[in-house]
N, C-alpha and C. Protein backbone atom coordinates (compact mmCIF):
# COMPACT_ATOMS: atom_id res chain seq x y z
N MET A 1 55.39 273.17 100.90
CA MET A 1 56.05 272.22 100.14
C MET A 1 57.76 271.93 100.45
N LEU A 2 58.17 273.37 99.73
CA LEU A 2 59.51 273.62 100.03
C LEU A 2 59.92 274.33 101.31
N ASN A 3 59.07 274.54 102.40
CA ASN A 3 59.61 274.43 103.58
C ASN A 3 60.12 273.00 104.16
N LYS A 4 59.21 272.25 103.98
CA LYS A 4 59.10 270.93 104.40
C LYS A 4 60.66 270.16 104.19
N ILE A 5 60.71 270.38 102.62
CA ILE A 5 62.29 269.85 102.15
C ILE A 5 63.30 270.49 102.57
N ASN A 6 63.35 271.83 102.67
CA ASN A 6 64.12 272.60 103.20
C ASN A 6 64.62 272.19 104.93
N ARG A 7 63.79 271.86 105.90
CA ARG A 7 63.92 271.29 107.09
C ARG A 7 64.27 270.29 107.08
N PHE A 8 63.96 269.19 105.78
CA PHE A 8 64.50 267.71 106.12
C PHE A 8 65.78 267.68 105.60
N LEU A 9 66.40 268.87 104.46
CA LEU A 9 67.75 268.83 104.61
C LEU A 9 68.60 269.13 105.64
N ASP A 10 67.84 269.96 106.27
CA ASP A 10 68.53 270.67 107.61
C ASP A 10 69.02 269.54 108.59
N VAL A 11 67.67 268.58 108.74
CA VAL A 11 67.77 267.60 109.87
C VAL A 11 69.00 266.75 109.28
N VAL A 12 68.95 266.45 107.95
CA VAL A 12 69.62 265.40 107.68
C VAL A 12 70.97 265.60 107.59
N SER A 13 71.25 267.19 107.28
CA SER A 13 72.45 267.44 107.36
C SER A 13 73.55 267.93 108.63
N ASP A 14 72.49 267.74 109.65
CA ASP A 14 73.09 267.98 111.16
C ASP A 14 72.97 266.43 111.57
N PHE A 15 72.61 265.49 111.19
CA PHE A 15 72.54 264.29 111.67
C PHE A 15 73.78 263.90 110.95
N LEU A 16 74.02 263.74 109.69
CA LEU A 16 75.67 263.64 109.11
C LEU A 16 76.70 263.89 109.23
N ALA A 17 76.50 265.29 109.71
CA ALA A 17 77.31 266.25 110.25
C ALA A 17 78.46 265.66 111.29
N HIS A 18 77.40 264.47 112.22
CA HIS A 18 78.18 264.23 113.41
C HIS A 18 78.53 262.90 113.48
N ARG A 19 78.16 262.36 112.12
CA ARG A 19 78.37 261.13 111.81
C ARG A 19 78.92 260.80 110.48
N LYS A 20 80.05 261.41 110.14
CA LYS A 20 80.55 261.47 108.94
C LYS A 20 81.12 260.31 108.20
N GLY A 21 81.27 258.92 108.98
CA GLY A 21 81.95 257.85 108.40
C GLY A 21 80.59 256.97 108.31
N LEU A 22 78.90 257.18 108.70
CA LEU A 22 78.13 256.47 108.47
C LEU A 22 78.12 256.14 106.79
N LEU A 23 77.93 256.80 106.03
CA LEU A 23 77.63 256.70 104.55
C LEU A 23 78.33 255.43 103.68
N PRO A 24 79.97 255.85 104.15
CA PRO A 24 80.83 255.19 103.91
C PRO A 24 80.75 253.91 104.43
N PHE A 25 80.87 253.65 105.59
CA PHE A 25 80.72 252.40 106.17
C PHE A 25 78.98 251.60 105.78
N MET A 26 77.83 252.31 105.90
CA MET A 26 76.96 251.50 104.78
C MET A 26 77.54 251.08 103.52
N ALA A 27 78.00 251.83 102.90
CA ALA A 27 78.32 251.55 101.49
C ALA A 27 78.91 250.25 101.49
N VAL A 28 80.42 250.18 102.22
CA VAL A 28 81.17 249.00 102.66
C VAL A 28 80.41 247.59 102.97
N ALA A 29 79.27 248.19 103.90
CA ALA A 29 78.42 246.78 104.36
C ALA A 29 77.74 246.37 102.86
N LEU A 30 76.95 247.23 102.17
CA LEU A 30 76.48 246.80 101.04
C LEU A 30 77.09 245.82 99.83
N ILE A 31 78.54 246.64 99.85
CA ILE A 31 79.36 245.97 98.85
C ILE A 31 79.64 244.52 99.03
N THR A 32 80.10 244.34 100.62
CA THR A 32 80.18 242.98 101.16
C THR A 32 79.14 242.15 100.94
N ILE A 33 77.87 242.57 101.42
CA ILE A 33 76.55 241.66 101.15
C ILE A 33 76.64 240.99 100.02
N ASN A 34 76.53 242.00 98.88
CA ASN A 34 76.87 241.63 97.53
C ASN A 34 77.94 240.85 97.16
N ALA A 35 78.92 241.05 97.98
CA ALA A 35 80.07 239.50 97.37
C ALA A 35 79.69 238.53 97.93
N VAL A 36 78.73 238.49 99.39
CA VAL A 36 78.47 237.22 99.83
C VAL A 36 77.26 236.70 99.01
N LEU A 37 76.40 237.45 98.40
CA LEU A 37 75.12 236.78 98.04
C LEU A 37 75.65 236.28 96.53
N GLN A 38 77.11 236.67 96.15
CA GLN A 38 77.38 235.98 94.39
C GLN A 38 77.69 234.56 94.87
N PHE A 39 77.87 234.14 96.05
CA PHE A 39 77.99 232.59 96.18
C PHE A 39 76.64 231.68 96.79
N ILE A 40 75.79 232.40 96.85
CA ILE A 40 74.50 231.57 97.29
C ILE A 40 73.51 231.69 95.75
N PRO A 41 73.12 230.55 95.73
CA PRO A 41 72.56 229.94 94.54
C PRO A 41 71.35 230.64 94.53
N GLY A 42 70.45 230.83 93.22
CA GLY A 42 69.23 231.18 93.48
C GLY A 42 68.53 232.46 93.66
N ASN A 43 69.75 233.58 93.81
CA ASN A 43 69.41 234.90 94.36
C ASN A 43 68.58 235.83 93.24
N GLY A 44 68.38 235.63 91.89
CA GLY A 44 67.93 236.20 91.32
C GLY A 44 68.53 237.07 90.46
N TRP A 45 67.71 238.42 90.25
CA TRP A 45 68.12 239.58 89.45
C TRP A 45 68.87 240.46 90.05
N ILE A 46 68.82 239.99 91.45
CA ILE A 46 69.53 241.54 92.38
C ILE A 46 71.21 240.82 92.27
N VAL A 47 71.44 239.87 92.26
CA VAL A 47 72.77 239.13 92.30
C VAL A 47 73.33 239.37 90.81
N GLU A 48 72.27 238.87 89.98
CA GLU A 48 72.73 239.10 88.36
C GLU A 48 73.25 240.65 88.01
N SER A 49 72.59 241.28 88.45
CA SER A 49 72.90 242.74 88.21
C SER A 49 73.63 243.79 89.18
N ASP A 50 74.14 243.15 89.90
CA ASP A 50 75.32 243.62 91.01
C ASP A 50 74.37 244.66 91.40
N LEU A 51 73.01 244.98 91.86
CA LEU A 51 72.48 246.05 92.36
C LEU A 51 72.90 246.61 93.55
N LEU A 52 73.09 245.83 94.44
CA LEU A 52 73.72 246.50 95.87
C LEU A 52 75.12 246.82 95.54
N LEU A 53 76.21 246.10 95.11
CA LEU A 53 77.41 247.01 94.27
C LEU A 53 77.51 247.68 93.95
N HIS A 54 76.58 248.41 92.77
CA HIS A 54 76.33 249.60 92.11
C HIS A 54 75.70 250.66 93.35
N ILE A 55 74.70 250.33 94.11
CA ILE A 55 74.40 251.13 95.08
C ILE A 55 75.23 251.33 96.38
N GLY A 56 75.84 250.66 96.38
CA GLY A 56 77.31 250.97 97.31
C GLY A 56 78.17 251.94 97.12
N ILE A 57 78.45 251.77 95.63
CA ILE A 57 79.86 252.62 95.08
C ILE A 57 79.01 254.05 95.02
N ILE A 58 77.92 254.21 94.83
CA ILE A 58 77.50 255.43 94.54
C ILE A 58 77.13 255.82 95.94
N MET A 59 76.66 255.05 96.93
CA MET A 59 76.67 255.90 98.61
C MET A 59 77.99 256.08 98.66
N ALA A 60 78.88 255.37 98.61
CA ALA A 60 80.49 255.50 99.14
C ALA A 60 81.11 256.90 98.50
N ILE A 61 80.45 257.00 97.10
CA ILE A 61 81.47 258.50 96.83
C ILE A 61 80.39 259.72 97.37
N ILE A 62 79.18 259.64 97.32
CA ILE A 62 78.69 260.60 97.97
C ILE A 62 78.92 260.73 99.24
N GLY A 63 78.84 259.79 100.32
CA GLY A 63 79.39 260.06 101.69
C GLY A 63 80.83 260.30 101.78
N PHE A 64 81.76 260.19 100.73
CA PHE A 64 82.78 261.06 100.95
C PHE A 64 82.93 262.37 100.84
N MET A 65 81.87 262.83 99.74
CA MET A 65 81.81 264.12 99.31
C MET A 65 81.21 264.85 100.50
N LEU A 66 80.02 264.19 101.40
CA LEU A 66 79.56 265.05 102.13
C LEU A 66 80.33 265.13 103.53
N ALA A 67 81.24 263.96 103.66
CA ALA A 67 82.32 264.10 104.85
C ALA A 67 82.84 265.35 104.75
N TRP A 68 83.57 265.41 103.32
CA TRP A 68 84.39 266.30 103.11
C TRP A 68 83.81 267.99 103.22
N THR A 69 82.34 268.07 102.91
CA THR A 69 82.03 269.02 102.68
C THR A 69 81.36 269.56 104.33
N LEU A 70 81.39 268.50 105.26
CA LEU A 70 80.58 268.92 106.33
C LEU A 70 81.93 269.05 107.23
């Protein structure tokens, strides 16, 4: 099991090493989608809780930290 996790992390790190701006770009997309959904009525708890905004901010922070280290 630990071997599979190590291989998965190796593959992900190799993938992200060549695409350093991917996670921050996806985070900006999530934050933009959250802003657009604010104006559409009846979206439920995703809009009320700003779920996409929070996920986007966390993803951007992790993306910038990984881009700095890779």
